[in-house]
Amino acid sequence: MGGTKKPTLSKLRKMTMKKEKAAKKGEEKRREVYKGYLTPKEEEELSKYILRQKYITPSMLSRKGEIRISIARRLLRKLYSEGMLTLVEKHKDVEVYAPASA
């Protein structure tokens, strides 16, 4: 009949601290949303960046250009088909490219 018991002061303080901590953690883990397209100017800038690197992966390019990984993969494959990059290693999820001149 009486419902739930009232928490003690120390228990109430711990519960509020736990809620505050969870709220802070949720704010810090906010995901970045990268754009899903490239303008020709951005594509040219990223191509120059790629050719200056020793090696490049889609995730590296995604972080640098703030683009989705699928867009980064597409750009790397395009440069590979044009002969500007060589495929160093290909695994299930990761493709590692290097500039053709290196």
PDB file of N, CA and C in Angstrom:
ATOM      1  N   MET A   1       0.770  -1.187   0.000  1.00  0.00           N
ATOM      2  CA  MET A   1       0.000   0.000   0.000  1.00  0.00           C
ATOM      3  C   MET A   1       0.822   1.267   0.000  1.00  0.00           C
ATOM      4  N   GLY A   2       1.691   1.542   0.654  1.00  0.00           N
ATOM      5  CA  GLY A   2       2.276   2.851   0.831  1.00  0.00           C
ATOM      6  C   GLY A   2       3.124   3.360  -0.325  1.00  0.00           C
ATOM      7  N   GLY A   3       3.428   2.574  -1.325  1.00  0.00           N
ATOM      8  CA  GLY A   3       4.271   3.028  -2.424  1.00  0.00           C
ATOM      9  C   GLY A   3       5.740   2.815  -2.114  1.00  0.00           C
ATOM     10  N   THR A   4       6.590   3.545  -2.807  1.00  0.00           N
ATOM     11  CA  THR A   4       8.031   3.362  -2.595  1.00  0.00           C
ATOM     12  C   THR A   4       8.495   4.171  -1.401  1.00  0.00           C
ATOM     13  N   LYS A   5       9.543   3.684  -0.805  1.00  0.00           N
ATOM     14  CA  LYS A   5      10.110   4.329   0.363  1.00  0.00           C
ATOM     15  C   LYS A   5      10.909   5.561  -0.049  1.00  0.00           C
ATOM     16  N   LYS A   6      10.869   6.599   0.761  1.00  0.00           N
ATOM     17  CA  LYS A   6      11.656   7.807   0.490  1.00  0.00           C
ATOM     18  C   LYS A   6      13.139   7.502   0.644  1.00  0.00           C
ATOM     19  N   PRO A   7      13.975   7.973  -0.320  1.00  0.00           N
ATOM     20  CA  PRO A   7      15.411   7.718  -0.164  1.00  0.00           C
ATOM     21  C   PRO A   7      16.000   8.607   0.936  1.00  0.00           C
ATOM     22  N   THR A   8      17.065   8.105   1.542  1.00  0.00           N
ATOM     23  CA  THR A   8      17.763   8.914   2.543  1.00  0.00           C
ATOM     24  C   THR A   8      18.492  10.048   1.836  1.00  0.00           C
ATOM     25  N   LEU A   9      18.955  11.013   2.602  1.00  0.00           N
ATOM     26  CA  LEU A   9      19.632  12.168   2.009  1.00  0.00           C
ATOM     27  C   LEU A   9      20.888  11.766   1.244  1.00  0.00           C
ATOM     28  N   SER A  10      21.678  10.873   1.807  1.00  0.00           N
ATOM     29  CA  SER A  10      22.910  10.466   1.124  1.00  0.00           C
ATOM     30  C   SER A  10      22.580   9.697  -0.159  1.00  0.00           C
ATOM     31  N   LYS A  11      21.536   8.850  -0.093  1.00  0.00           N
ATOM     32  CA  LYS A  11      21.123   8.106  -1.288  1.00  0.00           C
ATOM     33  C   LYS A  11      20.604   9.053  -2.363  1.00  0.00           C
ATOM     34  N   LEU A  12      19.856  10.083  -1.965  1.00  0.00           N
ATOM     35  CA  LEU A  12      19.333  11.073  -2.904  1.00  0.00           C
ATOM     36  C   LEU A  12      20.472  11.850  -3.565  1.00  0.00           C
ATOM     37  N   ARG A  13      21.496  12.211  -2.772  1.00  0.00           N
ATOM     38  CA  ARG A  13      22.647  12.943  -3.300  1.00  0.00           C
ATOM     39  C   ARG A  13      23.390  12.079  -4.320  1.00  0.00           C
ATOM     40  N   LYS A  14      23.592  10.798  -4.018  1.00  0.00           N
ATOM     41  CA  LYS A  14      24.276   9.897  -4.948  1.00  0.00           C
ATOM     42  C   LYS A  14      23.492   9.743  -6.245  1.00  0.00           C
ATOM     43  N   MET A  15      22.162   9.648  -6.141  1.00  0.00           N
ATOM     44  CA  MET A  15      21.338   9.492  -7.334  1.00  0.00           C
ATOM     45  C   MET A  15      21.427  10.724  -8.232  1.00  0.00           C
ATOM     46  N   THR A  16      21.403  11.916  -7.644  1.00  0.00           N
ATOM     47  CA  THR A  16      21.486  13.136  -8.459  1.00  0.00           C
ATOM     48  C   THR A  16      22.861  13.280  -9.091  1.00  0.00           C
ATOM     49  N   MET A  17      23.911  12.914  -8.344  1.00  0.00           N
ATOM     50  CA  MET A  17      25.258  12.989  -8.912  1.00  0.00           C
ATOM     51  C   MET A  17      25.398  12.029 -10.092  1.00  0.00           C
ATOM     52  N   LYS A  18      24.810  10.836  -9.973  1.00  0.00           N
ATOM     53  CA  LYS A  18      24.877   9.850 -11.044  1.00  0.00           C
ATOM     54  C   LYS A  18      24.157  10.366 -12.289  1.00  0.00           C
ATOM     55  N   LYS A  19      22.998  11.011 -12.102  1.00  0.00           N
ATOM     56  CA  LYS A  19      22.253  11.568 -13.230  1.00  0.00           C
ATOM     57  C   LYS A  19      23.032  12.684 -13.914  1.00  0.00           C
ATOM     58  N   GLU A  20      23.667  13.567 -13.128  1.00  0.00           N
ATOM     59  CA  GLU A  20      24.467  14.661 -13.682  1.00  0.00           C
ATOM     60  C   GLU A  20      25.655  14.114 -14.476  1.00  0.00           C
ATOM     61  N   LYS A  21      26.292  13.090 -13.928  1.00  0.00           N
ATOM     62  CA  LYS A  21      27.444  12.497 -14.601  1.00  0.00           C
ATOM     63  C   LYS A  21      27.041  11.869 -15.936  1.00  0.00           C
ATOM     64  N   ALA A  22      25.888  11.195 -15.951  1.00  0.00           N
ATOM     65  CA  ALA A  22      25.394  10.579 -17.182  1.00  0.00           C
ATOM     66  C   ALA A  22      25.045  11.650 -18.217  1.00  0.00           C
ATOM     67  N   ALA A  23      24.490  12.773 -17.772  1.00  0.00           N
ATOM     68  CA  ALA A  23      24.148  13.856 -18.695  1.00  0.00           C
ATOM     69  C   ALA A  23      25.408  14.456 -19.307  1.00  0.00           C
ATOM     70  N   LYS A  24      26.463  14.640 -18.508  1.00  0.00           N
ATOM     71  CA  LYS A  24      27.734  15.164 -19.023  1.00  0.00           C
ATOM     72  C   LYS A  24      28.335  14.220 -20.054  1.00  0.00           C
ATOM     73  N   LYS A  25      28.297  12.934 -19.747  1.00  0.00           N
ATOM     74  CA  LYS A  25      28.876  11.936 -20.637  1.00  0.00           C
ATOM     75  C   LYS A  25      28.134  11.927 -21.971  1.00  0.00           C
ATOM     76  N   GLY A  26      26.826  12.092 -21.933  1.00  0.00           N
ATOM     77  CA  GLY A  26      26.029  12.131 -23.153  1.00  0.00           C
ATOM     78  C   GLY A  26      26.371  13.327 -24.010  1.00  0.00           C
ATOM     79  N   GLU A  27      26.675  14.459 -23.397  1.00  0.00           N
ATOM     80  CA  GLU A  27      27.039  15.663 -24.143  1.00  0.00           C
ATOM     81  C   GLU A  27      28.391  15.493 -24.827  1.00  0.00           C
ATOM     82  N   GLU A  28      29.330  14.841 -24.161  1.00  0.00           N
ATOM     83  CA  GLU A  28      30.674  14.683 -24.710  1.00  0.00           C
ATOM     84  C   GLU A  28      30.698  13.714 -25.886  1.00  0.00           C
ATOM     85  N   LYS A  29      29.806  12.731 -25.904  1.00  0.00           N
ATOM     86  CA  LYS A  29      29.836  11.708 -26.933  1.00  0.00           C
ATOM     87  C   LYS A  29      29.015  12.076 -28.159  1.00  0.00           C
ATOM     88  N   ARG A  30      28.722  13.321 -28.351  1.00  0.00           N
ATOM     89  CA  ARG A  30      27.941  13.732 -29.505  1.00  0.00           C
ATOM     90  C   ARG A  30      28.731  13.459 -30.781  1.00  0.00           C
ATOM     91  N   ARG A  31      28.081  12.795 -31.736  1.00  0.00           N
ATOM     92  CA  ARG A  31      28.750  12.427 -32.988  1.00  0.00           C
ATOM     93  C   ARG A  31      28.807  13.604 -33.931  1.00  0.00           C
ATOM     94  N   GLU A  32      29.894  13.650 -34.676  1.00  0.00           N
ATOM     95  CA  GLU A  32      30.002  14.657 -35.720  1.00  0.00           C
ATOM     96  C   GLU A  32      29.314  14.135 -36.965  1.00  0.00           C
ATOM     97  N   VAL A  33      28.588  15.000 -37.623  1.00  0.00           N
ATOM     98  CA  VAL A  33      27.911  14.610 -38.856  1.00  0.00           C
ATOM     99  C   VAL A  33      28.677  15.226 -40.011  1.00  0.00           C
ATOM    100  N   TYR A  34      29.283  14.364 -40.822  1.00  0.00           N
ATOM    101  CA  TYR A  34      30.037  14.834 -41.963  1.00  0.00           C
ATOM    102  C   TYR A  34      29.126  14.978 -43.165  1.00  0.00           C
ATOM    103  N   LYS A  35      29.506  15.853 -44.064  1.00  0.00           N
ATOM    104  CA  LYS A  35      28.669  16.073 -45.242  1.00  0.00           C
ATOM    105  C   LYS A  35      28.835  14.934 -46.246  1.00  0.00           C
ATOM    106  N   GLY A  36      27.844  14.788 -47.092  1.00  0.00           N
ATOM    107  CA  GLY A  36      27.814  13.669 -48.011  1.00  0.00           C
ATOM    108  C   GLY A  36      28.088  14.032 -49.456  1.00  0.00           C
ATOM    109  N   TYR A  37      28.765  15.131 -49.692  1.00  0.00           N
ATOM    110  CA  TYR A  37      29.065  15.525 -51.064  1.00  0.00           C
ATOM    111  C   TYR A  37      30.376  16.289 -51.094  1.00  0.00           C
ATOM    112  N   LEU A  38      30.962  16.396 -52.271  1.00  0.00           N
ATOM    113  CA  LEU A  38      32.204  17.148 -52.466  1.00  0.00           C
ATOM    114  C   LEU A  38      32.005  18.125 -53.618  1.00  0.00           C
ATOM    115  N   THR A  39      32.441  19.340 -53.414  1.00  0.00           N
ATOM    116  CA  THR A  39      32.451  20.287 -54.521  1.00  0.00           C
ATOM    117  C   THR A  39      33.728  20.039 -55.324  1.00  0.00           C
ATOM    118  N   PRO A  40      33.773  20.447 -56.580  1.00  0.00           N
ATOM    119  CA  PRO A  40      35.001  20.238 -57.370  1.00  0.00           C
ATOM    120  C   PRO A  40      36.238  20.882 -56.732  1.00  0.00           C
ATOM    121  N   LYS A  41      36.054  22.034 -56.096  1.00  0.00           N
ATOM    122  CA  LYS A  41      37.184  22.704 -55.455  1.00  0.00           C
ATOM    123  C   LYS A  41      37.705  21.877 -54.279  1.00  0.00           C
ATOM    124  N   GLU A  42      36.788  21.357 -53.461  1.00  0.00           N
ATOM    125  CA  GLU A  42      37.194  20.521 -52.326  1.00  0.00           C
ATOM    126  C   GLU A  42      37.870  19.243 -52.806  1.00  0.00           C
ATOM    127  N   GLU A  43      37.344  18.675 -53.896  1.00  0.00           N
ATOM    128  CA  GLU A  43      37.925  17.455 -54.442  1.00  0.00           C
ATOM    129  C   GLU A  43      39.360  17.700 -54.896  1.00  0.00           C
ATOM    130  N   GLU A  44      39.593  18.836 -55.509  1.00  0.00           N
ATOM    131  CA  GLU A  44      40.944  19.178 -55.967  1.00  0.00           C
ATOM    132  C   GLU A  44      41.885  19.369 -54.779  1.00  0.00           C
ATOM    133  N   GLU A  45      41.423  20.052 -53.731  1.00  0.00           N
ATOM    134  CA  GLU A  45      42.248  20.267 -52.543  1.00  0.00           C
ATOM    135  C   GLU A  45      42.592  18.946 -51.870  1.00  0.00           C
ATOM    136  N   LEU A  46      41.603  18.056 -51.761  1.00  0.00           N
ATOM    137  CA  LEU A  46      41.859  16.760 -51.144  1.00  0.00           C
ATOM    138  C   LEU A  46      42.796  15.916 -51.998  1.00  0.00           C
ATOM    139  N   SER A  47      42.690  16.032 -53.302  1.00  0.00           N
ATOM    140  CA  SER A  47      43.591  15.288 -54.189  1.00  0.00           C
ATOM    141  C   SER A  47      45.037  15.729 -53.976  1.00  0.00           C
ATOM    142  N   LYS A  48      45.246  17.035 -53.840  1.00  0.00           N
ATOM    143  CA  LYS A  48      46.595  17.544 -53.566  1.00  0.00           C
ATOM    144  C   LYS A  48      47.097  17.046 -52.221  1.00  0.00           C
ATOM    145  N   TYR A  49      46.207  17.031 -51.220  1.00  0.00           N
ATOM    146  CA  TYR A  49      46.574  16.535 -49.890  1.00  0.00           C
ATOM    147  C   TYR A  49      46.970  15.061 -49.956  1.00  0.00           C
ATOM    148  N   ILE A  50      46.196  14.281 -50.695  1.00  0.00           N
ATOM    149  CA  ILE A  50      46.453  12.843 -50.810  1.00  0.00           C
ATOM    150  C   ILE A  50      47.818  12.590 -51.424  1.00  0.00           C
ATOM    151  N   LEU A  51      48.157  13.333 -52.455  1.00  0.00           N
ATOM    152  CA  LEU A  51      49.420  13.103 -53.160  1.00  0.00           C
ATOM    153  C   LEU A  51      50.643  13.519 -52.345  1.00  0.00           C
ATOM    154  N   ARG A  52      50.452  14.323 -51.297  1.00  0.00           N
ATOM    155  CA  ARG A  52      51.561  14.716 -50.427  1.00  0.00           C
ATOM    156  C   ARG A  52      51.839  13.692 -49.326  1.00  0.00           C
ATOM    157  N   GLN A  53      50.906  12.782 -49.088  1.00  0.00           N
ATOM    158  CA  GLN A  53      51.037  11.823 -47.994  1.00  0.00           C
ATOM    159  C   GLN A  53      51.854  10.603 -48.409  1.00  0.00           C
ATOM    160  N   LYS A  54      52.446   9.912 -47.425  1.00  0.00           N
ATOM    161  CA  LYS A  54      53.147   8.664 -47.702  1.00  0.00           C
ATOM    162  C   LYS A  54      52.128   7.580 -48.035  1.00  0.00           C
ATOM    163  N   TYR A  55      51.049   7.562 -47.274  1.00  0.00           N
ATOM    164  CA  TYR A  55      49.959   6.619 -47.511  1.00  0.00           C
ATOM    165  C   TYR A  55      48.668   7.283 -47.037  1.00  0.00           C
ATOM    166  N   ILE A  56      47.539   6.745 -47.479  1.00  0.00           N
ATOM    167  CA  ILE A  56      46.252   7.328 -47.110  1.00  0.00           C
ATOM    168  C   ILE A  56      45.216   6.210 -47.014  1.00  0.00           C
ATOM    169  N   THR A  57      44.330   6.339 -46.047  1.00  0.00           N
ATOM    170  CA  THR A  57      43.203   5.420 -45.906  1.00  0.00           C
ATOM    171  C   THR A  57      41.912   6.232 -45.980  1.00  0.00           C
ATOM    172  N   PRO A  58      40.788   5.589 -46.244  1.00  0.00           N
ATOM    173  CA  PRO A  58      39.525   6.328 -46.301  1.00  0.00           C
ATOM    174  C   PRO A  58      39.190   7.042 -44.992  1.00  0.00           C
ATOM    175  N   SER A  59      39.503   6.435 -43.862  1.00  0.00           N
ATOM    176  CA  SER A  59      39.185   7.078 -42.586  1.00  0.00           C
ATOM    177  C   SER A  59      40.040   8.330 -42.368  1.00  0.00           C
ATOM    178  N   MET A  60      41.309   8.293 -42.783  1.00  0.00           N
ATOM    179  CA  MET A  60      42.167   9.482 -42.671  1.00  0.00           C
ATOM    180  C   MET A  60      41.604  10.615 -43.521  1.00  0.00           C
ATOM    181  N   LEU A  61      41.201  10.277 -44.733  1.00  0.00           N
ATOM    182  CA  LEU A  61      40.659  11.271 -45.652  1.00  0.00           C
ATOM    183  C   LEU A  61      39.318  11.811 -45.151  1.00  0.00           C
ATOM    184  N   SER A  62      38.532  10.953 -44.540  1.00  0.00           N
ATOM    185  CA  SER A  62      37.233  11.358 -44.011  1.00  0.00           C
ATOM    186  C   SER A  62      37.400  12.395 -42.898  1.00  0.00           C
ATOM    187  N   ARG A  63      38.348  12.142 -42.007  1.00  0.00           N
ATOM    188  CA  ARG A  63      38.588  13.095 -40.920  1.00  0.00           C
ATOM    189  C   ARG A  63      39.148  14.411 -41.438  1.00  0.00           C
ATOM    190  N   LYS A  64      40.066  14.334 -42.387  1.00  0.00           N
ATOM    191  CA  LYS A  64      40.697  15.541 -42.920  1.00  0.00           C
ATOM    192  C   LYS A  64      39.692  16.411 -43.676  1.00  0.00           C
ATOM    193  N   GLY A  65      38.905  15.793 -44.549  1.00  0.00           N
ATOM    194  CA  GLY A  65      37.983  16.558 -45.381  1.00  0.00           C
ATOM    195  C   GLY A  65      36.609  16.746 -44.772  1.00  0.00           C
ATOM    196  N   GLU A  66      36.377  16.137 -43.596  1.00  0.00           N
ATOM    197  CA  GLU A  66      35.078  16.167 -42.929  1.00  0.00           C
ATOM    198  C   GLU A  66      33.970  15.704 -43.873  1.00  0.00           C
ATOM    199  N   ILE A  67      34.227  14.543 -44.497  1.00  0.00           N
ATOM    200  CA  ILE A  67      33.263  13.935 -45.407  1.00  0.00           C
ATOM    201  C   ILE A  67      32.974  12.515 -44.931  1.00  0.00           C
ATOM    202  N   ARG A  68      31.910  11.933 -45.423  1.00  0.00           N
ATOM    203  CA  ARG A  68      31.576  10.564 -45.055  1.00  0.00           C
ATOM    204  C   ARG A  68      32.614   9.604 -45.635  1.00  0.00           C
ATOM    205  N   ILE A  69      32.763   8.459 -44.987  1.00  0.00           N
ATOM    206  CA  ILE A  69      33.760   7.481 -45.412  1.00  0.00           C
ATOM    207  C   ILE A  69      33.439   6.950 -46.803  1.00  0.00           C
ATOM    208  N   SER A  70      32.162   6.795 -47.119  1.00  0.00           N
ATOM    209  CA  SER A  70      31.806   6.285 -48.447  1.00  0.00           C
ATOM    210  C   SER A  70      32.265   7.248 -49.540  1.00  0.00           C
ATOM    211  N   ILE A  71      32.176   8.545 -49.280  1.00  0.00           N
ATOM    212  CA  ILE A  71      32.641   9.547 -50.245  1.00  0.00           C
ATOM    213  C   ILE A  71      34.167   9.480 -50.363  1.00  0.00           C
ATOM    214  N   ALA A  72      34.844   9.290 -49.229  1.00  0.00           N
ATOM    215  CA  ALA A  72      36.307   9.189 -49.239  1.00  0.00           C
ATOM    216  C   ALA A  72      36.753   7.962 -50.032  1.00  0.00           C
ATOM    217  N   ARG A  73      36.074   6.830 -49.828  1.00  0.00           N
ATOM    218  CA  ARG A  73      36.416   5.615 -50.587  1.00  0.00           C
ATOM    219  C   ARG A  73      36.235   5.845 -52.076  1.00  0.00           C
ATOM    220  N   ARG A  74      35.132   6.495 -52.439  1.00  0.00           N
ATOM    221  CA  ARG A  74      34.845   6.748 -53.847  1.00  0.00           C
ATOM    222  C   ARG A  74      35.935   7.614 -54.472  1.00  0.00           C
ATOM    223  N   LEU A  75      36.382   8.655 -53.746  1.00  0.00           N
ATOM    224  CA  LEU A  75      37.431   9.534 -54.256  1.00  0.00           C
ATOM    225  C   LEU A  75      38.748   8.770 -54.424  1.00  0.00           C
ATOM    226  N   LEU A  76      39.105   7.948 -53.440  1.00  0.00           N
ATOM    227  CA  LEU A  76      40.354   7.184 -53.523  1.00  0.00           C
ATOM    228  C   LEU A  76      40.315   6.185 -54.680  1.00  0.00           C
ATOM    229  N   ARG A  77      39.180   5.537 -54.862  1.00  0.00           N
ATOM    230  CA  ARG A  77      39.066   4.582 -55.968  1.00  0.00           C
ATOM    231  C   ARG A  77      39.140   5.291 -57.320  1.00  0.00           C
ATOM    232  N   LYS A  78      38.584   6.494 -57.370  1.00  0.00           N
ATOM    233  CA  LYS A  78      38.646   7.280 -58.612  1.00  0.00           C
ATOM    234  C   LYS A  78      40.094   7.633 -58.951  1.00  0.00           C
ATOM    235  N   LEU A  79      40.843   8.102 -57.945  1.00  0.00           N
ATOM    236  CA  LEU A  79      42.249   8.441 -58.169  1.00  0.00           C
ATOM    237  C   LEU A  79      43.070   7.194 -58.508  1.00  0.00           C
ATOM    238  N   TYR A  80      42.708   6.057 -57.916  1.00  0.00           N
ATOM    239  CA  TYR A  80      43.393   4.803 -58.222  1.00  0.00           C
ATOM    240  C   TYR A  80      43.147   4.403 -59.679  1.00  0.00           C
ATOM    241  N   SER A  81      41.909   4.559 -60.146  1.00  0.00           N
ATOM    242  CA  SER A  81      41.598   4.185 -61.533  1.00  0.00           C
ATOM    243  C   SER A  81      42.262   5.133 -62.533  1.00  0.00           C
ATOM    244  N   GLU A  82      42.533   6.371 -62.101  1.00  0.00           N
ATOM    245  CA  GLU A  82      43.219   7.328 -62.970  1.00  0.00           C
ATOM    246  C   GLU A  82      44.737   7.104 -62.967  1.00  0.00           C
ATOM    247  N   GLY A  83      45.223   6.250 -62.071  1.00  0.00           N
ATOM    248  CA  GLY A  83      46.643   5.937 -62.024  1.00  0.00           C
ATOM    249  C   GLY A  83      47.447   6.852 -61.118  1.00  0.00           C
ATOM    250  N   MET A  84      46.800   7.695 -60.351  1.00  0.00           N
ATOM    251  CA  MET A  84      47.520   8.599 -59.457  1.00  0.00           C
ATOM    252  C   MET A  84      47.907   7.912 -58.147  1.00  0.00           C
ATOM    253  N   LEU A  85      47.202   6.838 -57.782  1.00  0.00           N
ATOM    254  CA  LEU A  85      47.469   6.100 -56.552  1.00  0.00           C
ATOM    255  C   LEU A  85      47.733   4.638 -56.876  1.00  0.00           C
ATOM    256  N   THR A  86      48.460   3.986 -55.961  1.00  0.00           N
ATOM    257  CA  THR A  86      48.627   2.538 -56.057  1.00  0.00           C
ATOM    258  C   THR A  86      48.029   1.919 -54.802  1.00  0.00           C
ATOM    259  N   LEU A  87      47.439   0.764 -54.947  1.00  0.00           N
ATOM    260  CA  LEU A  87      46.839   0.055 -53.829  1.00  0.00           C
ATOM    261  C   LEU A  87      47.926  -0.737 -53.123  1.00  0.00           C
ATOM    262  N   VAL A  88      48.225  -0.355 -51.899  1.00  0.00           N
ATOM    263  CA  VAL A  88      49.291  -1.014 -51.147  1.00  0.00           C
ATOM    264  C   VAL A  88      48.754  -2.264 -50.481  1.00  0.00           C
ATOM    265  N   GLU A  89      47.611  -2.145 -49.831  1.00  0.00           N
ATOM    266  CA  GLU A  89      47.026  -3.264 -49.106  1.00  0.00           C
ATOM    267  C   GLU A  89      45.527  -3.136 -49.103  1.00  0.00           C
ATOM    268  N   LYS A  90      44.860  -4.261 -49.288  1.00  0.00           N
ATOM    269  CA  LYS A  90      43.401  -4.269 -49.222  1.00  0.00           C
ATOM    270  C   LYS A  90      42.985  -5.412 -48.318  1.00  0.00           C
ATOM    271  N   HIS A  91      42.230  -5.060 -47.291  1.00  0.00           N
ATOM    272  CA  HIS A  91      41.712  -6.034 -46.362  1.00  0.00           C
ATOM    273  C   HIS A  91      40.201  -5.923 -46.385  1.00  0.00           C
ATOM    274  N   LYS A  92      39.534  -6.650 -45.561  1.00  0.00           N
ATOM    275  CA  LYS A  92      38.075  -6.659 -45.550  1.00  0.00           C
ATOM    276  C   LYS A  92      37.481  -5.259 -45.439  1.00  0.00           C
ATOM    277  N   ASP A  93      37.960  -4.469 -44.506  1.00  0.00           N
ATOM    278  CA  ASP A  93      37.395  -3.145 -44.264  1.00  0.00           C
ATOM    279  C   ASP A  93      38.316  -1.994 -44.650  1.00  0.00           C
ATOM    280  N   VAL A  94      39.602  -2.251 -44.794  1.00  0.00           N
ATOM    281  CA  VAL A  94      40.562  -1.168 -44.967  1.00  0.00           C
ATOM    282  C   VAL A  94      41.284  -1.272 -46.310  1.00  0.00           C
ATOM    283  N   GLU A  95      41.387  -0.150 -46.966  1.00  0.00           N
ATOM    284  CA  GLU A  95      42.181  -0.055 -48.179  1.00  0.00           C
ATOM    285  C   GLU A  95      43.265   0.976 -47.917  1.00  0.00           C
ATOM    286  N   VAL A  96      44.515   0.624 -48.175  1.00  0.00           N
ATOM    287  CA  VAL A  96      45.628   1.547 -47.970  1.00  0.00           C
ATOM    288  C   VAL A  96      46.198   1.886 -49.331  1.00  0.00           C
ATOM    289  N   TYR A  97      46.268   3.172 -49.633  1.00  0.00           N
ATOM    290  CA  TYR A  97      46.786   3.639 -50.911  1.00  0.00           C
ATOM    291  C   TYR A  97      48.053   4.447 -50.674  1.00  0.00           C
ATOM    292  N   ALA A  98      48.868   4.521 -51.711  1.00  0.00           N
ATOM    293  CA  ALA A  98      50.063   5.371 -51.715  1.00  0.00           C
ATOM    294  C   ALA A  98      50.123   6.083 -53.053  1.00  0.00           C
ATOM    295  N   PRO A  99      50.717   7.278 -53.086  1.00  0.00           N
ATOM    296  CA  PRO A  99      50.859   7.972 -54.372  1.00  0.00           C
ATOM    297  C   PRO A  99      51.674   7.120 -55.349  1.00  0.00           C
ATOM    298  N   ALA A 100      51.332   7.182 -56.606  1.00  0.00           N
ATOM    299  CA  ALA A 100      51.985   6.347 -57.625  1.00  0.00           C
ATOM    300  C   ALA A 100      53.451   6.710 -57.786  1.00  0.00           C
ATOM    301  N   SER A 101      53.820   7.959 -57.544  1.00  0.00           N
ATOM    302  CA  SER A 101      55.203   8.400 -57.719  1.00  0.00           C
ATOM    303  C   SER A 101      56.092   7.926 -56.579  1.00  0.00           C
ATOM    304  N   ALA A 102      55.512   7.561 -55.439  1.00  0.00           N
ATOM    305  CA  ALA A 102      56.322   7.174 -54.263  1.00  0.00           C
ATOM    306  C   ALA A 102      56.764   5.745 -54.313  1.00  0.00           C
TER     307      ALA A 102
END
